[in-house]
Amino acid sequence: MFLVTTAPVADAFDTVSRLYPDKIVVQISTDGLCTVGGTILATQQQPKTQT
């Protein structure tokens, strides 16, 4: 599947990758979630930021 990447999306990906260097960060399409609702579930389990 082809994912459209905009500058803000690329910036967010880079930021998350930088904040969690020991994690594998992947970009997924949430289009299917948007059609039936529930996009909040896609971001519910974000790891806690280390300070």
C-alpha atoms as a PDB file:
ATOM      1  CA  MET A   1       0.000   0.000   0.000  1.00  0.00           C
ATOM      2  CA  PHE A   2       1.267   3.467  -0.864  1.00  0.00           C
ATOM      3  CA  LEU A   3       1.243   5.960   2.008  1.00  0.00           C
ATOM      4  CA  VAL A   4       1.054   9.661   1.283  1.00  0.00           C
ATOM      5  CA  THR A   5       3.699  11.511   3.269  1.00  0.00           C
ATOM      6  CA  THR A   6       3.404  15.228   3.832  1.00  0.00           C
ATOM      7  CA  ALA A   7       6.003  17.444   5.478  1.00  0.00           C
ATOM      8  CA  PRO A   8       4.174  17.451   8.855  1.00  0.00           C
ATOM      9  CA  VAL A   9       3.833  13.665   8.758  1.00  0.00           C
ATOM     10  CA  ALA A  10       7.516  13.271   7.922  1.00  0.00           C
ATOM     11  CA  ASP A  11       8.430  15.684  10.744  1.00  0.00           C
ATOM     12  CA  ALA A  12       6.295  13.727  13.214  1.00  0.00           C
ATOM     13  CA  PHE A  13       7.859  10.440  12.091  1.00  0.00           C
ATOM     14  CA  ASP A  14      11.352  11.900  12.513  1.00  0.00           C
ATOM     15  CA  THR A  15      10.490  13.289  15.961  1.00  0.00           C
ATOM     16  CA  VAL A  16       9.072  10.001  17.245  1.00  0.00           C
ATOM     17  CA  SER A  17      12.026   8.094  15.794  1.00  0.00           C
ATOM     18  CA  ARG A  18      14.443  10.468  17.520  1.00  0.00           C
ATOM     19  CA  LEU A  19      12.596  10.293  20.867  1.00  0.00           C
ATOM     20  CA  TYR A  20      12.494   6.495  20.860  1.00  0.00           C
ATOM     21  CA  PRO A  21      15.767   5.350  19.234  1.00  0.00           C
ATOM     22  CA  ASP A  22      15.418   1.853  20.703  1.00  0.00           C
ATOM     23  CA  LYS A  23      11.983   1.356  19.093  1.00  0.00           C
ATOM     24  CA  ILE A  24      11.000   0.539  15.532  1.00  0.00           C
ATOM     25  CA  VAL A  25       8.727   3.308  14.270  1.00  0.00           C
ATOM     26  CA  VAL A  26       6.402   2.490  11.383  1.00  0.00           C
ATOM     27  CA  GLN A  27       3.915   4.589   9.474  1.00  0.00           C
ATOM     28  CA  ILE A  28       0.526   2.968   8.959  1.00  0.00           C
ATOM     29  CA  SER A  29      -2.575   4.018   7.108  1.00  0.00           C
ATOM     30  CA  THR A  30      -5.556   4.735   9.361  1.00  0.00           C
ATOM     31  CA  ASP A  31      -7.973   5.239   6.461  1.00  0.00           C
ATOM     32  CA  GLY A  32      -9.880   2.097   7.406  1.00  0.00           C
ATOM     33  CA  LEU A  33     -10.326   3.336  10.959  1.00  0.00           C
ATOM     34  CA  CYS A  34     -11.619   6.685   9.752  1.00  0.00           C
ATOM     35  CA  THR A  35     -14.454   5.115   7.792  1.00  0.00           C
ATOM     36  CA  VAL A  36     -15.927   3.476  10.892  1.00  0.00           C
ATOM     37  CA  GLY A  37     -14.594   5.803  13.586  1.00  0.00           C
ATOM     38  CA  GLY A  38     -12.046   4.987  16.221  1.00  0.00           C
ATOM     39  CA  THR A  39      -8.922   6.878  15.191  1.00  0.00           C
ATOM     40  CA  ILE A  40      -8.272   7.639  18.867  1.00  0.00           C
ATOM     41  CA  LEU A  41      -7.383   3.959  19.243  1.00  0.00           C
ATOM     42  CA  ALA A  42      -4.527   4.367  16.782  1.00  0.00           C
ATOM     43  CA  THR A  43      -2.726   6.739  19.155  1.00  0.00           C
ATOM     44  CA  GLN A  44      -3.924   5.413  22.511  1.00  0.00           C
ATOM     45  CA  GLN A  45      -0.857   3.313  23.347  1.00  0.00           C
ATOM     46  CA  GLN A  46       1.959   5.774  22.803  1.00  0.00           C
ATOM     47  CA  PRO A  47       4.939   5.130  25.081  1.00  0.00           C
ATOM     48  CA  LYS A  48       5.740   7.579  27.855  1.00  0.00           C
ATOM     49  CA  THR A  49       8.392  10.166  26.980  1.00  0.00           C
ATOM     50  CA  GLN A  50      11.612   9.773  28.936  1.00  0.00           C
ATOM     51  CA  THR A  51      12.807  12.972  30.622  1.00  0.00           C
END
